[in-house]
Amino acid sequence: MFIQSSFLSSGFLMRLILIIFALLFSSVVSSNVDIYQWCQVENDSIKKLTELPLGDLVTRKRKVALAKSVIEFSHVVNKDYTGVITLTQKHQEISFEAAEIKTLAMLKMIEMQKLKQAIKVYPVKDTKIWDAIFDNCVKVES
């Protein structure tokens, strides 16, 4: 069973997924993505990861890398992403199996990026550093 926090049940996860799809699959749509919102969500996610012990981050990174399915990935990150497979299938007009492969690759890429950043800045508490990370995200994603 997956832990569902209030922000996930309120549709936040779906908005995040749509932003991810916009950034990855459509240059026309991606120009309409609120980069500041995207970077704040990413920054908050990385901050949350840095609350975990460093050993747990390294273990999680290894488990994400070794995940062979979206279900396995979802168990590792403790969020259900299985619905993204259908979204990918419909958006790309491909088979379910191909959609799962693409979805898993996309989810791994995003999670590994966050985990690498969390490990790199562990255990940062200084707001100036978090502001710099946010600013860098905006610069890179713009």
Foldseek 3Di string as FASTA:
>chain_A
DFDDDPCVVVCVVVVLLVQLCQLPPPPVSVVVDPLLVNLVVLLVVLLVVLVDPLVLLVVLLVQLVPDPWQVSNCVSVRHRPLVQLVVQCVVVVHDSVVSGVVVSVSVSVSVNVSSVVSSVCHPDDDVVVSVVSSVVSSVVSD
